[in-house]
PDB file of all heavy atoms in Angstrom:
ATOM      1  N   ILE A   1    -102.090  33.143-130.432  1.00  0.00           N
ATOM      2  CA  ILE A   1    -102.835  32.000-130.266  1.00  0.00           C
ATOM      3  C   ILE A   1    -104.319  32.215-130.696  1.00  0.00           C
ATOM      4  O   ILE A   1    -104.803  31.461-131.535  1.00  0.00           O
ATOM      5  CB  ILE A   1    -102.804  31.590-128.751  1.00  0.00           C
ATOM      6  CG1 ILE A   1    -101.330  31.218-128.442  1.00  0.00           C
ATOM      7  CG2 ILE A   1    -103.780  30.427-128.461  1.00  0.00           C
ATOM      8  CD1 ILE A   1    -101.203  30.947-126.948  1.00  0.00           C
ATOM      9  N   PHE A   2    -104.897  33.255-130.278  1.00  0.00           N
ATOM     10  CA  PHE A   2    -106.373  33.464-130.520  1.00  0.00           C
ATOM     11  C   PHE A   2    -106.617  33.729-131.941  1.00  0.00           C
ATOM     12  O   PHE A   2    -107.601  33.201-132.515  1.00  0.00           O
ATOM     13  CB  PHE A   2    -106.949  34.514-129.547  1.00  0.00           C
ATOM     14  CG  PHE A   2    -108.435  34.761-129.791  1.00  0.00           C
ATOM     15  CD1 PHE A   2    -109.322  33.826-129.311  1.00  0.00           C
ATOM     16  CD2 PHE A   2    -108.891  35.811-130.560  1.00  0.00           C
ATOM     17  CE1 PHE A   2    -110.688  33.948-129.505  1.00  0.00           C
ATOM     18  CE2 PHE A   2    -110.246  35.968-130.737  1.00  0.00           C
ATOM     19  CZ  PHE A   2    -111.212  35.081-130.221  1.00  0.00           C
ATOM     20  N   ALA A   3    -105.812  34.632-132.614  1.00  0.00           N
ATOM     21  CA  ALA A   3    -106.210  35.147-133.872  1.00  0.00           C
ATOM     22  C   ALA A   3    -106.249  34.005-135.013  1.00  0.00           C
ATOM     23  O   ALA A   3    -107.171  33.912-135.714  1.00  0.00           O
ATOM     24  CB  ALA A   3    -105.262  36.178-134.306  1.00  0.00           C
ATOM     25  N   PRO A   4    -105.191  33.171-135.029  1.00  0.00           N
ATOM     26  CA  PRO A   4    -105.242  32.142-136.078  1.00  0.00           C
ATOM     27  C   PRO A   4    -106.379  31.116-135.720  1.00  0.00           C
ATOM     28  O   PRO A   4    -106.994  30.569-136.718  1.00  0.00           O
ATOM     29  CB  PRO A   4    -103.844  31.386-135.982  1.00  0.00           C
ATOM     30  CG  PRO A   4    -103.269  31.779-134.685  1.00  0.00           C
ATOM     31  CD  PRO A   4    -103.860  33.142-134.377  1.00  0.00           C
ATOM     32  N   ILE A   5    -106.571  30.799-134.511  1.00  0.00           N
ATOM     33  CA  ILE A   5    -107.698  29.915-134.170  1.00  0.00           C
ATOM     34  C   ILE A   5    -109.027  30.534-134.540  1.00  0.00           C
ATOM     35  O   ILE A   5    -110.025  29.869-135.085  1.00  0.00           O
ATOM     36  CB  ILE A   5    -107.742  29.591-132.729  1.00  0.00           C
ATOM     37  CG1 ILE A   5    -106.520  28.702-132.321  1.00  0.00           C
ATOM     38  CG2 ILE A   5    -109.029  28.830-132.260  1.00  0.00           C
ATOM     39  CD1 ILE A   5    -106.312  28.390-130.830  1.00  0.00           C
ATOM     40  N   TYR A   6    -109.168  31.808-134.388  1.00  0.00           N
ATOM     41  CA  TYR A   6    -110.456  32.518-134.757  1.00  0.00           C
ATOM     42  C   TYR A   6    -110.771  32.355-136.217  1.00  0.00           C
ATOM     43  O   TYR A   6    -111.775  32.026-136.613  1.00  0.00           O
ATOM     44  CB  TYR A   6    -110.286  34.039-134.410  1.00  0.00           C
ATOM     45  CG  TYR A   6    -111.469  34.888-134.746  1.00  0.00           C
ATOM     46  CD1 TYR A   6    -112.560  35.105-133.917  1.00  0.00           C
ATOM     47  CD2 TYR A   6    -111.607  35.445-136.054  1.00  0.00           C
ATOM     48  CE1 TYR A   6    -113.668  35.996-134.267  1.00  0.00           C
ATOM     49  CE2 TYR A   6    -112.615  36.297-136.402  1.00  0.00           C
ATOM     50  CZ  TYR A   6    -113.560  36.469-135.522  1.00  0.00           C
ATOM     51  OH  TYR A   6    -114.775  37.200-135.851  1.00  0.00           O
ATOM     52  N   PHE A   7    -109.684  32.732-137.062  1.00  0.00           N
ATOM     53  CA  PHE A   7    -109.885  32.587-138.470  1.00  0.00           C
ATOM     54  C   PHE A   7    -110.184  31.133-138.961  1.00  0.00           C
ATOM     55  O   PHE A   7    -110.998  30.885-139.819  1.00  0.00           O
ATOM     56  CB  PHE A   7    -108.675  33.165-139.226  1.00  0.00           C
ATOM     57  CG  PHE A   7    -108.644  34.697-139.316  1.00  0.00           C
ATOM     58  CD1 PHE A   7    -107.698  35.320-138.550  1.00  0.00           C
ATOM     59  CD2 PHE A   7    -109.479  35.397-140.071  1.00  0.00           C
ATOM     60  CE1 PHE A   7    -107.588  36.694-138.576  1.00  0.00           C
ATOM     61  CE2 PHE A   7    -109.413  36.782-140.043  1.00  0.00           C
ATOM     62  CZ  PHE A   7    -108.480  37.468-139.403  1.00  0.00           C
ATOM     63  N   PHE A   8    -109.529  30.237-138.282  1.00  0.00           N
ATOM     64  CA  PHE A   8    -109.717  28.826-138.570  1.00  0.00           C
ATOM     65  C   PHE A   8    -111.161  28.340-138.309  1.00  0.00           C
ATOM     66  O   PHE A   8    -111.810  27.680-139.088  1.00  0.00           O
ATOM     67  CB  PHE A   8    -108.713  27.940-137.837  1.00  0.00           C
ATOM     68  CG  PHE A   8    -108.759  26.499-138.162  1.00  0.00           C
ATOM     69  CD1 PHE A   8    -108.870  26.037-139.453  1.00  0.00           C
ATOM     70  CD2 PHE A   8    -108.819  25.564-137.121  1.00  0.00           C
ATOM     71  CE1 PHE A   8    -108.973  24.727-139.704  1.00  0.00           C
ATOM     72  CE2 PHE A   8    -108.902  24.247-137.357  1.00  0.00           C
ATOM     73  CZ  PHE A   8    -108.991  23.789-138.704  1.00  0.00           C
ATOM     74  N   ILE A   9    -111.674  28.729-137.203  1.00  0.00           N
ATOM     75  CA  ILE A   9    -113.044  28.325-136.772  1.00  0.00           C
ATOM     76  C   ILE A   9    -114.049  29.021-137.653  1.00  0.00           C
ATOM     77  O   ILE A   9    -115.030  28.440-138.102  1.00  0.00           O
ATOM     78  CB  ILE A   9    -113.277  28.666-135.312  1.00  0.00           C
ATOM     79  CG1 ILE A   9    -112.248  27.999-134.360  1.00  0.00           C
ATOM     80  CG2 ILE A   9    -114.670  28.262-134.959  1.00  0.00           C
ATOM     81  CD1 ILE A   9    -112.252  26.433-134.565  1.00  0.00           C
ATOM     82  N   VAL A  10    -113.843  30.302-138.059  1.00  0.00           N
ATOM     83  CA  VAL A  10    -114.614  30.928-138.990  1.00  0.00           C
ATOM     84  C   VAL A  10    -114.644  30.182-140.345  1.00  0.00           C
ATOM     85  O   VAL A  10    -115.735  29.956-140.967  1.00  0.00           O
ATOM     86  CB  VAL A  10    -114.247  32.411-139.267  1.00  0.00           C
ATOM     87  CG1 VAL A  10    -115.012  33.067-140.389  1.00  0.00           C
ATOM     88  CG2 VAL A  10    -114.471  33.245-137.929  1.00  0.00           C
ATOM     89  N   TYR A  11    -113.474  29.706-140.721  1.00  0.00           N
ATOM     90  CA  TYR A  11    -113.421  28.934-141.991  1.00  0.00           C
ATOM     91  C   TYR A  11    -114.191  27.626-141.801  1.00  0.00           C
ATOM     92  O   TYR A  11    -114.923  27.205-142.694  1.00  0.00           O
ATOM     93  CB  TYR A  11    -111.924  28.596-142.311  1.00  0.00           C
ATOM     94  CG  TYR A  11    -111.716  27.530-143.344  1.00  0.00           C
ATOM     95  CD1 TYR A  11    -111.952  27.746-144.704  1.00  0.00           C
ATOM     96  CD2 TYR A  11    -111.404  26.210-142.897  1.00  0.00           C
ATOM     97  CE1 TYR A  11    -111.808  26.741-145.537  1.00  0.00           C
ATOM     98  CE2 TYR A  11    -111.316  25.267-143.813  1.00  0.00           C
ATOM     99  CZ  TYR A  11    -111.498  25.462-145.156  1.00  0.00           C
ATOM    100  OH  TYR A  11    -111.404  24.414-146.089  1.00  0.00           O
ATOM    101  N   ILE A  12    -114.030  26.953-140.783  1.00  0.00           N
ATOM    102  CA  ILE A  12    -114.733  25.694-140.466  1.00  0.00           C
ATOM    103  C   ILE A  12    -116.291  25.898-140.522  1.00  0.00           C
ATOM    104  O   ILE A  12    -117.027  25.143-141.143  1.00  0.00           O
ATOM    105  CB  ILE A  12    -114.320  25.011-139.150  1.00  0.00           C
ATOM    106  CG1 ILE A  12    -112.986  24.528-139.235  1.00  0.00           C
ATOM    107  CG2 ILE A  12    -115.355  23.913-138.774  1.00  0.00           C
ATOM    108  CD1 ILE A  12    -112.459  23.976-137.960  1.00  0.00           C
ATOM    109  N   ALA A  13    -116.706  27.024-139.944  1.00  0.00           N
ATOM    110  CA  ALA A  13    -118.146  27.285-139.924  1.00  0.00           C
ATOM    111  C   ALA A  13    -118.642  27.498-141.362  1.00  0.00           C
ATOM    112  O   ALA A  13    -119.905  27.304-141.564  1.00  0.00           O
ATOM    113  CB  ALA A  13    -118.440  28.563-139.167  1.00  0.00           C
ATOM    114  N   SER A  14    -117.817  27.815-142.245  1.00  0.00           N
ATOM    115  CA  SER A  14    -118.270  28.112-143.617  1.00  0.00           C
ATOM    116  C   SER A  14    -118.253  26.861-144.566  1.00  0.00           C
ATOM    117  O   SER A  14    -118.653  26.908-145.652  1.00  0.00           O
ATOM    118  CB  SER A  14    -117.422  29.262-144.276  1.00  0.00           C
ATOM    119  OG  SER A  14    -116.110  28.738-144.537  1.00  0.00           O
ATOM    120  N   THR A  15    -117.615  25.748-144.071  1.00  0.00           N
ATOM    121  CA  THR A  15    -117.448  24.645-144.927  1.00  0.00           C
ATOM    122  C   THR A  15    -118.695  23.653-144.910  1.00  0.00           C
ATOM    123  O   THR A  15    -119.346  23.574-143.947  1.00  0.00           O
ATOM    124  CB  THR A  15    -116.238  23.780-144.480  1.00  0.00           C
ATOM    125  OG1 THR A  15    -116.457  23.357-143.148  1.00  0.00           O
ATOM    126  CG2 THR A  15    -114.970  24.695-144.480  1.00  0.00           C
ATOM    127  N   LYS A  16    -118.834  22.979-146.088  1.00  0.00           N
ATOM    128  CA  LYS A  16    -119.998  21.985-146.147  1.00  0.00           C
ATOM    129  C   LYS A  16    -119.706  20.778-145.258  1.00  0.00           C
ATOM    130  O   LYS A  16    -120.635  20.078-144.925  1.00  0.00           O
ATOM    131  CB  LYS A  16    -120.167  21.618-147.591  1.00  0.00           C
ATOM    132  CG  LYS A  16    -120.654  22.782-148.460  1.00  0.00           C
ATOM    133  CD  LYS A  16    -120.918  22.282-149.888  1.00  0.00           C
ATOM    134  CE  LYS A  16    -121.494  23.449-150.761  1.00  0.00           C
ATOM    135  NZ  LYS A  16    -121.691  23.030-152.175  1.00  0.00           N
ATOM    136  N   GLN A  17    -118.432  20.577-145.001  1.00  0.00           N
ATOM    137  CA  GLN A  17    -118.105  19.304-144.274  1.00  0.00           C
ATOM    138  C   GLN A  17    -118.665  19.371-142.859  1.00  0.00           C
ATOM    139  O   GLN A  17    -118.789  18.371-142.156  1.00  0.00           O
ATOM    140  CB  GLN A  17    -116.585  19.248-144.124  1.00  0.00           C
ATOM    141  CG  GLN A  17    -115.892  18.823-145.388  1.00  0.00           C
ATOM    142  CD  GLN A  17    -115.374  20.055-146.115  1.00  0.00           C
ATOM    143  OE1 GLN A  17    -116.010  21.060-146.087  1.00  0.00           O
ATOM    144  NE2 GLN A  17    -114.260  19.955-146.855  1.00  0.00           N
ATOM    145  N   SER A  18    -119.017  20.570-142.333  1.00  0.00           N
ATOM    146  CA  SER A  18    -119.572  20.704-141.010  1.00  0.00           C
ATOM    147  C   SER A  18    -121.091  20.486-141.020  1.00  0.00           C
ATOM    148  O   SER A  18    -121.698  20.500-139.910  1.00  0.00           O
ATOM    149  CB  SER A  18    -119.255  22.075-140.455  1.00  0.00           C
ATOM    150  OG  SER A  18    -119.860  23.089-141.207  1.00  0.00           O
ATOM    151  N   ASP A  19    -121.653  20.303-142.154  1.00  0.00           N
ATOM    152  CA  ASP A  19    -123.182  20.088-142.193  1.00  0.00           C
ATOM    153  C   ASP A  19    -123.670  18.908-141.375  1.00  0.00           C
ATOM    154  O   ASP A  19    -124.693  18.917-140.712  1.00  0.00           O
ATOM    155  CB  ASP A  19    -123.633  20.055-143.566  1.00  0.00           C
ATOM    156  CG  ASP A  19    -123.602  21.254-144.383  1.00  0.00           C
ATOM    157  OD1 ASP A  19    -123.315  22.352-143.670  1.00  0.00           O
ATOM    158  OD2 ASP A  19    -123.787  21.398-145.545  1.00  0.00           O
ATOM    159  N   PHE A  20    -122.771  17.865-141.383  1.00  0.00           N
ATOM    160  CA  PHE A  20    -123.259  16.653-140.753  1.00  0.00           C
ATOM    161  C   PHE A  20    -123.389  16.796-139.222  1.00  0.00           C
ATOM    162  O   PHE A  20    -124.196  16.199-138.589  1.00  0.00           O
ATOM    163  CB  PHE A  20    -122.325  15.437-141.102  1.00  0.00           C
ATOM    164  CG  PHE A  20    -121.084  15.419-140.130  1.00  0.00           C
ATOM    165  CD1 PHE A  20    -121.192  14.673-138.952  1.00  0.00           C
ATOM    166  CD2 PHE A  20    -120.039  16.127-140.455  1.00  0.00           C
ATOM    167  CE1 PHE A  20    -120.149  14.674-138.095  1.00  0.00           C
ATOM    168  CE2 PHE A  20    -118.947  16.065-139.621  1.00  0.00           C
ATOM    169  CZ  PHE A  20    -118.948  15.389-138.450  1.00  0.00           C
ATOM    170  N   LEU A  21    -122.537  17.655-138.709  1.00  0.00           N
ATOM    171  CA  LEU A  21    -122.663  17.972-137.261  1.00  0.00           C
ATOM    172  C   LEU A  21    -123.898  18.600-136.881  1.00  0.00           C
ATOM    173  O   LEU A  21    -124.649  18.269-135.951  1.00  0.00           O
ATOM    174  CB  LEU A  21    -121.466  18.857-136.822  1.00  0.00           C
ATOM    175  CG  LEU A  21    -121.424  19.183-135.296  1.00  0.00           C
ATOM    176  CD1 LEU A  21    -121.330  17.987-134.409  1.00  0.00           C
ATOM    177  CD2 LEU A  21    -120.312  20.198-134.964  1.00  0.00           C
ATOM    178  N   TYR A  22    -124.351  19.619-137.730  1.00  0.00           N
ATOM    179  CA  TYR A  22    -125.680  20.301-137.533  1.00  0.00           C
ATOM    180  C   TYR A  22    -126.792  19.260-137.647  1.00  0.00           C
ATOM    181  O   TYR A  22    -127.628  19.233-136.792  1.00  0.00           O
ATOM    182  CB  TYR A  22    -125.845  21.374-138.547  1.00  0.00           C
ATOM    183  CG  TYR A  22    -127.290  21.649-138.788  1.00  0.00           C
ATOM    184  CD1 TYR A  22    -128.086  22.183-137.807  1.00  0.00           C
ATOM    185  CD2 TYR A  22    -127.829  21.397-140.133  1.00  0.00           C
ATOM    186  CE1 TYR A  22    -129.428  22.415-138.109  1.00  0.00           C
ATOM    187  CE2 TYR A  22    -129.127  21.692-140.336  1.00  0.00           C
ATOM    188  CZ  TYR A  22    -129.939  22.166-139.354  1.00  0.00           C
ATOM    189  OH  TYR A  22    -131.194  22.449-139.569  1.00  0.00           O
ATOM    190  N   ALA A  23    -126.596  18.374-138.615  1.00  0.00           N
ATOM    191  CA  ALA A  23    -127.722  17.419-138.855  1.00  0.00           C
ATOM    192  C   ALA A  23    -127.810  16.398-137.625  1.00  0.00           C
ATOM    193  O   ALA A  23    -128.949  16.082-137.154  1.00  0.00           O
ATOM    194  CB  ALA A  23    -127.514  16.535-140.100  1.00  0.00           C
ATOM    195  N   HIS A  24    -126.689  15.997-137.116  1.00  0.00           N
ATOM    196  CA  HIS A  24    -126.683  15.169-135.987  1.00  0.00           C
ATOM    197  C   HIS A  24    -127.276  15.847-134.753  1.00  0.00           C
ATOM    198  O   HIS A  24    -128.106  15.243-134.013  1.00  0.00           O
ATOM    199  CB  HIS A  24    -125.273  14.686-135.730  1.00  0.00           C
ATOM    200  CG  HIS A  24    -125.061  13.939-134.412  1.00  0.00           C
ATOM    201  ND1 HIS A  24    -125.517  12.645-134.308  1.00  0.00           N
ATOM    202  CD2 HIS A  24    -124.520  14.301-133.191  1.00  0.00           C
ATOM    203  CE1 HIS A  24    -125.288  12.211-133.074  1.00  0.00           C
ATOM    204  NE2 HIS A  24    -124.703  13.191-132.382  1.00  0.00           N
ATOM    205  N   LEU A  25    -126.862  17.059-134.477  1.00  0.00           N
ATOM    206  CA  LEU A  25    -127.297  17.730-133.329  1.00  0.00           C
ATOM    207  C   LEU A  25    -128.792  18.180-133.438  1.00  0.00           C
ATOM    208  O   LEU A  25    -129.542  18.009-132.432  1.00  0.00           O
ATOM    209  CB  LEU A  25    -126.521  19.039-133.119  1.00  0.00           C
ATOM    210  CG  LEU A  25    -125.052  18.873-132.640  1.00  0.00           C
ATOM    211  CD1 LEU A  25    -124.364  20.233-132.653  1.00  0.00           C
ATOM    212  CD2 LEU A  25    -124.935  18.197-131.399  1.00  0.00           C
ATOM    213  N   SER A  26    -129.230  18.575-134.607  1.00  0.00           N
ATOM    214  CA  SER A  26    -130.598  18.895-134.837  1.00  0.00           C
ATOM    215  C   SER A  26    -131.596  17.709-134.642  1.00  0.00           C
ATOM    216  O   SER A  26    -132.660  17.942-134.108  1.00  0.00           O
ATOM    217  CB  SER A  26    -130.849  19.618-136.101  1.00  0.00           C
ATOM    218  OG  SER A  26    -130.569  18.738-137.141  1.00  0.00           O
ATOM    219  N   SER A  27    -131.175  16.615-135.154  1.00  0.00           N
ATOM    220  CA  SER A  27    -132.053  15.425-135.076  1.00  0.00           C
ATOM    221  C   SER A  27    -132.007  14.837-133.673  1.00  0.00           C
ATOM    222  O   SER A  27    -132.997  14.284-133.237  1.00  0.00           O
ATOM    223  CB  SER A  27    -131.533  14.377-136.031  1.00  0.00           C
ATOM    224  OG  SER A  27    -130.239  13.902-135.723  1.00  0.00           O
ATOM    225  N   LYS A  28    -130.962  15.084-132.940  1.00  0.00           N
ATOM    226  CA  LYS A  28    -130.845  14.448-131.586  1.00  0.00           C
ATOM    227  C   LYS A  28    -131.504  15.403-130.520  1.00  0.00           C
ATOM    228  O   LYS A  28    -132.052  14.937-129.522  1.00  0.00           O
ATOM    229  CB  LYS A  28    -129.451  14.198-131.275  1.00  0.00           C
ATOM    230  CG  LYS A  28    -129.232  13.414-129.936  1.00  0.00           C
ATOM    231  CD  LYS A  28    -127.715  13.026-129.786  1.00  0.00           C
ATOM    232  CE  LYS A  28    -127.543  12.275-128.474  1.00  0.00           C
ATOM    233  NZ  LYS A  28    -126.125  11.855-128.284  1.00  0.00           N
ATOM    234  N   TYR A  29    -131.295  16.632-130.606  1.00  0.00           N
ATOM    235  CA  TYR A  29    -131.704  17.576-129.571  1.00  0.00           C
ATOM    236  C   TYR A  29    -132.819  18.505-129.918  1.00  0.00           C
ATOM    237  O   TYR A  29    -133.395  19.165-129.058  1.00  0.00           O
ATOM    238  CB  TYR A  29    -130.450  18.414-129.167  1.00  0.00           C
ATOM    239  CG  TYR A  29    -129.340  17.574-128.566  1.00  0.00           C
ATOM    240  CD1 TYR A  29    -128.186  17.435-129.379  1.00  0.00           C
ATOM    241  CD2 TYR A  29    -129.384  17.008-127.338  1.00  0.00           C
ATOM    242  CE1 TYR A  29    -127.140  16.598-128.890  1.00  0.00           C
ATOM    243  CE2 TYR A  29    -128.387  16.222-126.800  1.00  0.00           C
ATOM    244  CZ  TYR A  29    -127.204  16.034-127.653  1.00  0.00           C
ATOM    245  OH  TYR A  29    -126.178  15.352-127.079  1.00  0.00           O
ATOM    246  N   PHE A  30    -133.182  18.635-131.230  1.00  0.00           N
ATOM    247  CA  PHE A  30    -134.213  19.565-131.604  1.00  0.00           C
ATOM    248  C   PHE A  30    -135.266  18.892-132.413  1.00  0.00           C
ATOM    249  O   PHE A  30    -135.086  17.798-132.997  1.00  0.00           O
ATOM    250  CB  PHE A  30    -133.631  20.757-132.369  1.00  0.00           C
ATOM    251  CG  PHE A  30    -132.475  21.548-131.742  1.00  0.00           C
ATOM    252  CD1 PHE A  30    -131.216  21.369-132.216  1.00  0.00           C
ATOM    253  CD2 PHE A  30    -132.743  22.186-130.620  1.00  0.00           C
ATOM    254  CE1 PHE A  30    -130.166  21.956-131.525  1.00  0.00           C
ATOM    255  CE2 PHE A  30    -131.689  22.929-129.991  1.00  0.00           C
ATOM    256  CZ  PHE A  30    -130.448  22.720-130.468  1.00  0.00           C
ATOM    257  N   LYS A  31    -136.416  19.526-132.464  1.00  0.00           N
ATOM    258  CA  LYS A  31    -137.456  18.963-133.326  1.00  0.00           C
ATOM    259  C   LYS A  31    -137.062  19.203-134.746  1.00  0.00           C
ATOM    260  O   LYS A  31    -136.345  19.980-135.143  1.00  0.00           O
ATOM    261  CB  LYS A  31    -138.759  19.681-133.069  1.00  0.00           C
ATOM    262  CG  LYS A  31    -139.266  19.400-131.604  1.00  0.00           C
ATOM    263  CD  LYS A  31    -140.573  20.129-131.395  1.00  0.00           C
ATOM    264  CE  LYS A  31    -141.153  19.966-129.972  1.00  0.00           C
ATOM    265  NZ  LYS A  31    -142.390  20.696-129.777  1.00  0.00           N
ATOM    266  N   LYS A  32    -137.626  18.338-135.606  1.00  0.00           N
ATOM    267  CA  LYS A  32    -137.209  18.390-136.958  1.00  0.00           C
ATOM    268  C   LYS A  32    -137.718  19.676-137.668  1.00  0.00           C
ATOM    269  O   LYS A  32    -137.041  20.200-138.634  1.00  0.00           O
ATOM    270  CB  LYS A  32    -137.878  17.195-137.815  1.00  0.00           C
ATOM    271  CG  LYS A  32    -137.299  15.847-137.454  1.00  0.00           C
ATOM    272  CD  LYS A  32    -137.916  14.796-138.269  1.00  0.00           C
ATOM    273  CE  LYS A  32    -137.285  13.412-137.966  1.00  0.00           C
ATOM    274  NZ  LYS A  32    -137.821  12.293-138.785  1.00  0.00           N
ATOM    275  N   SER A  33    -138.668  20.284-137.075  1.00  0.00           N
ATOM    276  CA  SER A  33    -139.219  21.483-137.667  1.00  0.00           C
ATOM    277  C   SER A  33    -138.269  22.720-137.309  1.00  0.00           C
ATOM    278  O   SER A  33    -138.464  23.846-137.805  1.00  0.00           O
ATOM    279  CB  SER A  33    -140.612  21.836-137.190  1.00  0.00           C
ATOM    280  OG  SER A  33    -140.612  21.850-135.775  1.00  0.00           O
ATOM    281  N   PHE A  34    -137.409  22.463-136.271  1.00  0.00           N
ATOM    282  CA  PHE A  34    -136.548  23.564-135.840  1.00  0.00           C
ATOM    283  C   PHE A  34    -135.312  23.766-136.880  1.00  0.00           C
ATOM    284  O   PHE A  34    -134.536  22.811-136.962  1.00  0.00           O
ATOM    285  CB  PHE A  34    -136.019  23.233-134.453  1.00  0.00           C
ATOM    286  CG  PHE A  34    -135.247  24.399-133.818  1.00  0.00           C
ATOM    287  CD1 PHE A  34    -135.911  25.424-133.194  1.00  0.00           C
ATOM    288  CD2 PHE A  34    -133.848  24.384-133.772  1.00  0.00           C
ATOM    289  CE1 PHE A  34    -135.217  26.490-132.729  1.00  0.00           C
ATOM    290  CE2 PHE A  34    -133.146  25.405-133.215  1.00  0.00           C
ATOM    291  CZ  PHE A  34    -133.861  26.470-132.648  1.00  0.00           C
ATOM    292  N   ASN A  35    -135.216  24.755-137.455  1.00  0.00           N
ATOM    293  CA  ASN A  35    -134.151  25.023-138.412  1.00  0.00           C
ATOM    294  C   ASN A  35    -133.169  26.035-137.904  1.00  0.00           C
ATOM    295  O   ASN A  35    -133.563  27.131-137.389  1.00  0.00           O
ATOM    296  CB  ASN A  35    -134.822  25.579-139.710  1.00  0.00           C
ATOM    297  CG  ASN A  35    -133.774  25.691-140.850  1.00  0.00           C
ATOM    298  OD1 ASN A  35    -132.728  25.014-140.733  1.00  0.00           O
ATOM    299  ND2 ASN A  35    -134.055  26.416-141.834  1.00  0.00           N
ATOM    300  N   ILE A  36    -131.935  25.652-137.918  1.00  0.00           N
ATOM    301  CA  ILE A  36    -130.842  26.516-137.367  1.00  0.00           C
ATOM    302  C   ILE A  36    -129.648  26.299-138.225  1.00  0.00           C
ATOM    303  O   ILE A  36    -129.294  25.225-138.630  1.00  0.00           O
ATOM    304  CB  ILE A  36    -130.549  26.155-135.957  1.00  0.00           C
ATOM    305  CG1 ILE A  36    -129.579  27.233-135.316  1.00  0.00           C
ATOM    306  CG2 ILE A  36    -130.065  24.819-135.676  1.00  0.00           C
ATOM    307  CD1 ILE A  36    -129.441  27.177-133.762  1.00  0.00           C
ATOM    308  N   SER A  37    -128.864  27.350-138.471  1.00  0.00           N
ATOM    309  CA  SER A  37    -127.688  27.342-139.319  1.00  0.00           C
ATOM    310  C   SER A  37    -126.558  26.915-138.423  1.00  0.00           C
ATOM    311  O   SER A  37    -126.263  27.604-137.416  1.00  0.00           O
ATOM    312  CB  SER A  37    -127.461  28.593-140.021  1.00  0.00           C
ATOM    313  OG  SER A  37    -126.172  28.753-140.531  1.00  0.00           O
ATOM    314  N   PHE A  38    -125.827  25.942-138.906  1.00  0.00           N
ATOM    315  CA  PHE A  38    -124.581  25.521-138.180  1.00  0.00           C
ATOM    316  C   PHE A  38    -123.578  26.709-138.106  1.00  0.00           C
ATOM    317  O   PHE A  38    -122.880  26.941-137.114  1.00  0.00           O
ATOM    318  CB  PHE A  38    -123.969  24.223-138.749  1.00  0.00           C
ATOM    319  CG  PHE A  38    -122.565  23.966-138.222  1.00  0.00           C
ATOM    320  CD1 PHE A  38    -122.531  23.127-137.039  1.00  0.00           C
ATOM    321  CD2 PHE A  38    -121.486  24.371-138.807  1.00  0.00           C
ATOM    322  CE1 PHE A  38    -121.216  22.822-136.582  1.00  0.00           C
ATOM    323  CE2 PHE A  38    -120.165  24.031-138.302  1.00  0.00           C
ATOM    324  CZ  PHE A  38    -120.127  23.281-137.115  1.00  0.00           C
ATOM    325  N   GLN A  39    -123.384  27.378-139.269  1.00  0.00           N
ATOM    326  CA  GLN A  39    -122.579  28.466-139.360  1.00  0.00           C
ATOM    327  C   GLN A  39    -122.777  29.550-138.305  1.00  0.00           C
ATOM    328  O   GLN A  39    -121.929  30.052-137.681  1.00  0.00           O
ATOM    329  CB  GLN A  39    -122.409  29.001-140.728  1.00  0.00           C
ATOM    330  CG  GLN A  39    -121.450  30.219-140.855  1.00  0.00           C
ATOM    331  CD  GLN A  39    -121.403  30.746-142.377  1.00  0.00           C
ATOM    332  OE1 GLN A  39    -122.358  30.544-143.064  1.00  0.00           O
ATOM    333  NE2 GLN A  39    -120.256  31.314-142.683  1.00  0.00           N
ATOM    334  N   ILE A  40    -124.115  29.884-138.215  1.00  0.00           N
ATOM    335  CA  ILE A  40    -124.434  30.947-137.219  1.00  0.00           C
ATOM    336  C   ILE A  40    -124.127  30.423-135.833  1.00  0.00           C
ATOM    337  O   ILE A  40    -123.624  31.204-134.972  1.00  0.00           O
ATOM    338  CB  ILE A  40    -125.944  31.223-137.371  1.00  0.00           C
ATOM    339  CG1 ILE A  40    -126.270  31.962-138.715  1.00  0.00           C
ATOM    340  CG2 ILE A  40    -126.475  32.116-136.192  1.00  0.00           C
ATOM    341  CD1 ILE A  40    -127.731  32.193-139.031  1.00  0.00           C
ATOM    342  N   VAL A  41    -124.514  29.188-135.483  1.00  0.00           N
ATOM    343  CA  VAL A  41    -124.315  28.624-134.072  1.00  0.00           C
ATOM    344  C   VAL A  41    -122.813  28.648-133.768  1.00  0.00           C
ATOM    345  O   VAL A  41    -122.402  29.163-132.672  1.00  0.00           O
ATOM    346  CB  VAL A  41    -124.819  27.254-133.953  1.00  0.00           C
ATOM    347  CG1 VAL A  41    -124.391  26.629-132.676  1.00  0.00           C
ATOM    348  CG2 VAL A  41    -126.306  27.263-134.044  1.00  0.00           C
ATOM    349  N   LEU A  42    -121.968  28.243-134.650  1.00  0.00           N
ATOM    350  CA  LEU A  42    -120.530  28.160-134.422  1.00  0.00           C
ATOM    351  C   LEU A  42    -119.911  29.546-134.328  1.00  0.00           C
ATOM    352  O   LEU A  42    -119.144  29.823-133.511  1.00  0.00           O
ATOM    353  CB  LEU A  42    -119.824  27.323-135.551  1.00  0.00           C
ATOM    354  CG  LEU A  42    -118.394  26.971-135.263  1.00  0.00           C
ATOM    355  CD1 LEU A  42    -118.216  26.232-133.911  1.00  0.00           C
ATOM    356  CD2 LEU A  42    -117.873  26.069-136.417  1.00  0.00           C
TER     357      LEU A  42
END
């Protein structure tokens, strides 16, 4: 159970499709000057 989910989430973290989630979270919860990588967070 854990191993395929682990690899899948690592894959998701590397995709460009996930950028919008970072943009949404950063604009809603963080200051615009705060820069954080979605891949690192995930």
